[in-house]
Amino acid sequence: MSAPALPFSKVRRVGTTVYLSGELGLLDDGTVPAGIEAQTRQTLDRIAATLKGEGLSLSDVVSCTCYLANKADFAAFNAAYKTYFADPLPVRTTVEAPLMIDALVEITVIAAASA
């Protein structure tokens, strides 16, 4: 199932800064896995794949904005999230917000490329 074209870029590079639009934990068939930890892992795997396409990795991420559909998922979200990043950790903001599709998490990142 292919998603309809939406009016935004998935990734933009401006100088040495790379911006990624919000990412969901979509599987190849367009569904999301069950549970916040599985969705967080899938979301971060998709972010890592997009960064790889830009010649970057999660270690280049300097900032994350994370949206959780339910603040009760915060601890489980953190359990999965922390396995993807090492020091120096990116700065992060996490908020509870209703999402546009039936998902539990959406993450957007900013990464720094080498000059």
C-alpha atoms as a PDB file:
ATOM      1  CA  MET A   1       0.000   0.000   0.000  1.00  0.00           C
ATOM      2  CA  SER A   2       1.575   3.299  -1.014  1.00  0.00           C
ATOM      3  CA  ALA A   3       0.899   6.448   0.942  1.00  0.00           C
ATOM      4  CA  PRO A   4      -0.585   9.432  -0.869  1.00  0.00           C
ATOM      5  CA  ALA A   5       1.836  12.242  -1.705  1.00  0.00           C
ATOM      6  CA  LEU A   6       1.856  14.742   1.136  1.00  0.00           C
ATOM      7  CA  PRO A   7       2.898  18.410   0.849  1.00  0.00           C
ATOM      8  CA  PHE A   8       6.277  18.205   2.608  1.00  0.00           C
ATOM      9  CA  SER A   9       9.792  16.876   2.146  1.00  0.00           C
ATOM     10  CA  LYS A  10      10.887  13.770   4.049  1.00  0.00           C
ATOM     11  CA  VAL A  11      14.417  15.148   4.389  1.00  0.00           C
ATOM     12  CA  ARG A  12      16.113  18.498   3.686  1.00  0.00           C
ATOM     13  CA  ARG A  13      19.779  19.395   3.862  1.00  0.00           C
ATOM     14  CA  VAL A  14      20.712  23.035   4.415  1.00  0.00           C
ATOM     15  CA  GLY A  15      24.469  23.408   4.555  1.00  0.00           C
ATOM     16  CA  THR A  16      25.665  20.877   7.102  1.00  0.00           C
ATOM     17  CA  THR A  17      22.300  20.556   8.846  1.00  0.00           C
ATOM     18  CA  VAL A  18      19.897  17.748   7.901  1.00  0.00           C
ATOM     19  CA  TYR A  19      16.233  17.990   8.883  1.00  0.00           C
ATOM     20  CA  LEU A  20      13.914  14.973   8.881  1.00  0.00           C
ATOM     21  CA  SER A  21      10.147  15.276   8.890  1.00  0.00           C
ATOM     22  CA  GLY A  22       8.204  13.412  11.540  1.00  0.00           C
ATOM     23  CA  GLU A  23       8.608   9.663  11.165  1.00  0.00           C
ATOM     24  CA  LEU A  24       6.196   6.935  12.190  1.00  0.00           C
ATOM     25  CA  GLY A  25       6.898   3.276  12.815  1.00  0.00           C
ATOM     26  CA  LEU A  26       5.261   2.110   9.610  1.00  0.00           C
ATOM     27  CA  LEU A  27       5.954  -1.400   8.388  1.00  0.00           C
ATOM     28  CA  ASP A  28       6.297  -2.209   4.676  1.00  0.00           C
ATOM     29  CA  ASP A  29       2.574  -2.945   4.455  1.00  0.00           C
ATOM     30  CA  GLY A  30       1.653   0.486   5.890  1.00  0.00           C
ATOM     31  CA  THR A  31       0.590  -0.809   9.303  1.00  0.00           C
ATOM     32  CA  VAL A  32       2.299  -0.089  12.608  1.00  0.00           C
ATOM     33  CA  PRO A  33       3.494  -2.780  15.017  1.00  0.00           C
ATOM     34  CA  ALA A  34       1.632  -3.271  18.281  1.00  0.00           C
ATOM     35  CA  GLY A  35       2.935  -1.479  21.362  1.00  0.00           C
ATOM     36  CA  ILE A  36       4.982   1.619  22.077  1.00  0.00           C
ATOM     37  CA  GLU A  37       8.362  -0.146  22.300  1.00  0.00           C
ATOM     38  CA  ALA A  38       7.951  -1.881  18.925  1.00  0.00           C
ATOM     39  CA  GLN A  39       6.699   1.331  17.313  1.00  0.00           C
ATOM     40  CA  THR A  40       9.586   3.314  18.809  1.00  0.00           C
ATOM     41  CA  ARG A  41      12.131   0.815  17.476  1.00  0.00           C
ATOM     42  CA  GLN A  42      10.521   0.765  14.028  1.00  0.00           C
ATOM     43  CA  THR A  43      10.397   4.572  13.951  1.00  0.00           C
ATOM     44  CA  LEU A  44      14.066   4.881  14.884  1.00  0.00           C
ATOM     45  CA  ASP A  45      15.032   2.165  12.389  1.00  0.00           C
ATOM     46  CA  ARG A  46      13.282   4.170   9.666  1.00  0.00           C
ATOM     47  CA  ILE A  47      15.031   7.351  10.798  1.00  0.00           C
ATOM     48  CA  ALA A  48      18.381   5.530  10.727  1.00  0.00           C
ATOM     49  CA  ALA A  49      17.663   4.352   7.166  1.00  0.00           C
ATOM     50  CA  THR A  50      16.817   7.885   6.015  1.00  0.00           C
ATOM     51  CA  LEU A  51      19.968   9.237   7.657  1.00  0.00           C
ATOM     52  CA  LYS A  52      22.030   6.499   5.989  1.00  0.00           C
ATOM     53  CA  GLY A  53      20.727   7.726   2.649  1.00  0.00           C
ATOM     54  CA  GLU A  54      22.197  11.110   3.532  1.00  0.00           C
ATOM     55  CA  GLY A  55      25.539   9.589   4.528  1.00  0.00           C
ATOM     56  CA  LEU A  56      24.758  10.000   8.238  1.00  0.00           C
ATOM     57  CA  SER A  57      23.863   7.829  11.226  1.00  0.00           C
ATOM     58  CA  LEU A  58      22.035   8.208  14.514  1.00  0.00           C
ATOM     59  CA  SER A  59      25.311   9.386  16.071  1.00  0.00           C
ATOM     60  CA  ASP A  60      24.948  12.549  13.942  1.00  0.00           C
ATOM     61  CA  VAL A  61      21.552  13.406  15.470  1.00  0.00           C
ATOM     62  CA  VAL A  62      21.727  16.544  17.609  1.00  0.00           C
ATOM     63  CA  SER A  63      18.028  17.070  18.354  1.00  0.00           C
ATOM     64  CA  CYS A  64      14.870  14.928  18.584  1.00  0.00           C
ATOM     65  CA  THR A  65      11.292  16.017  19.009  1.00  0.00           C
ATOM     66  CA  CYS A  66       9.111  13.110  20.100  1.00  0.00           C
ATOM     67  CA  TYR A  67       5.335  13.001  20.124  1.00  0.00           C
ATOM     68  CA  LEU A  68       3.570  10.357  22.204  1.00  0.00           C
ATOM     69  CA  ALA A  69      -0.132   9.697  21.796  1.00  0.00           C
ATOM     70  CA  ASN A  70      -0.309   8.722  25.490  1.00  0.00           C
ATOM     71  CA  LYS A  71       1.968  10.065  28.232  1.00  0.00           C
ATOM     72  CA  ALA A  72       1.496   6.767  30.098  1.00  0.00           C
ATOM     73  CA  ASP A  73       3.827   5.253  27.445  1.00  0.00           C
ATOM     74  CA  PHE A  74       6.734   7.543  28.433  1.00  0.00           C
ATOM     75  CA  ALA A  75       8.721   4.959  30.441  1.00  0.00           C
ATOM     76  CA  ALA A  76       8.341   2.207  27.830  1.00  0.00           C
ATOM     77  CA  PHE A  77       9.194   4.696  25.066  1.00  0.00           C
ATOM     78  CA  ASN A  78      12.389   5.654  26.924  1.00  0.00           C
ATOM     79  CA  ALA A  79      13.320   1.991  27.385  1.00  0.00           C
ATOM     80  CA  ALA A  80      13.415   1.508  23.601  1.00  0.00           C
ATOM     81  CA  TYR A  81      14.705   4.988  22.711  1.00  0.00           C
ATOM     82  CA  LYS A  82      17.789   4.829  24.944  1.00  0.00           C
ATOM     83  CA  THR A  83      19.122   1.752  23.128  1.00  0.00           C
ATOM     84  CA  TYR A  84      19.547   3.778  19.904  1.00  0.00           C
ATOM     85  CA  PHE A  85      21.739   6.636  21.125  1.00  0.00           C
ATOM     86  CA  ALA A  86      25.139   6.942  22.804  1.00  0.00           C
ATOM     87  CA  ASP A  87      26.928   9.893  24.377  1.00  0.00           C
ATOM     88  CA  PRO A  88      26.774  12.650  23.525  1.00  0.00           C
ATOM     89  CA  LEU A  89      23.023  12.170  23.541  1.00  0.00           C
ATOM     90  CA  PRO A  90      20.892  14.412  21.326  1.00  0.00           C
ATOM     91  CA  VAL A  91      18.842  17.103  23.009  1.00  0.00           C
ATOM     92  CA  ARG A  92      15.210  16.062  23.156  1.00  0.00           C
ATOM     93  CA  THR A  93      11.716  17.355  23.699  1.00  0.00           C
ATOM     94  CA  THR A  94       8.902  14.872  24.308  1.00  0.00           C
ATOM     95  CA  VAL A  95       5.257  15.880  24.369  1.00  0.00           C
ATOM     96  CA  GLU A  96       1.902  14.165  24.501  1.00  0.00           C
ATOM     97  CA  ALA A  97      -0.093  14.939  21.378  1.00  0.00           C
ATOM     98  CA  PRO A  98      -2.806  13.340  19.278  1.00  0.00           C
ATOM     99  CA  LEU A  99      -1.225  11.963  16.089  1.00  0.00           C
ATOM    100  CA  MET A 100      -2.649  12.192  12.580  1.00  0.00           C
ATOM    101  CA  ILE A 101      -2.850   8.407  12.167  1.00  0.00           C
ATOM    102  CA  ASP A 102      -3.458   5.571  14.580  1.00  0.00           C
ATOM    103  CA  ALA A 103       0.120   5.414  15.883  1.00  0.00           C
ATOM    104  CA  LEU A 104       1.605   5.774  19.360  1.00  0.00           C
ATOM    105  CA  VAL A 105       4.785   7.719  18.515  1.00  0.00           C
ATOM    106  CA  GLU A 106       6.171  10.144  15.943  1.00  0.00           C
ATOM    107  CA  ILE A 107       9.753  11.430  15.987  1.00  0.00           C
ATOM    108  CA  THR A 108      11.461  14.181  14.037  1.00  0.00           C
ATOM    109  CA  VAL A 109      15.209  14.785  14.122  1.00  0.00           C
ATOM    110  CA  ILE A 110      17.867  17.293  13.181  1.00  0.00           C
ATOM    111  CA  ALA A 111      21.322  15.958  12.364  1.00  0.00           C
ATOM    112  CA  ALA A 112      24.681  17.614  11.757  1.00  0.00           C
ATOM    113  CA  ALA A 113      26.731  16.544   8.755  1.00  0.00           C
ATOM    114  CA  SER A 114      30.477  17.115   8.534  1.00  0.00           C
ATOM    115  CA  ALA A 115      31.464  20.277   6.706  1.00  0.00           C
END
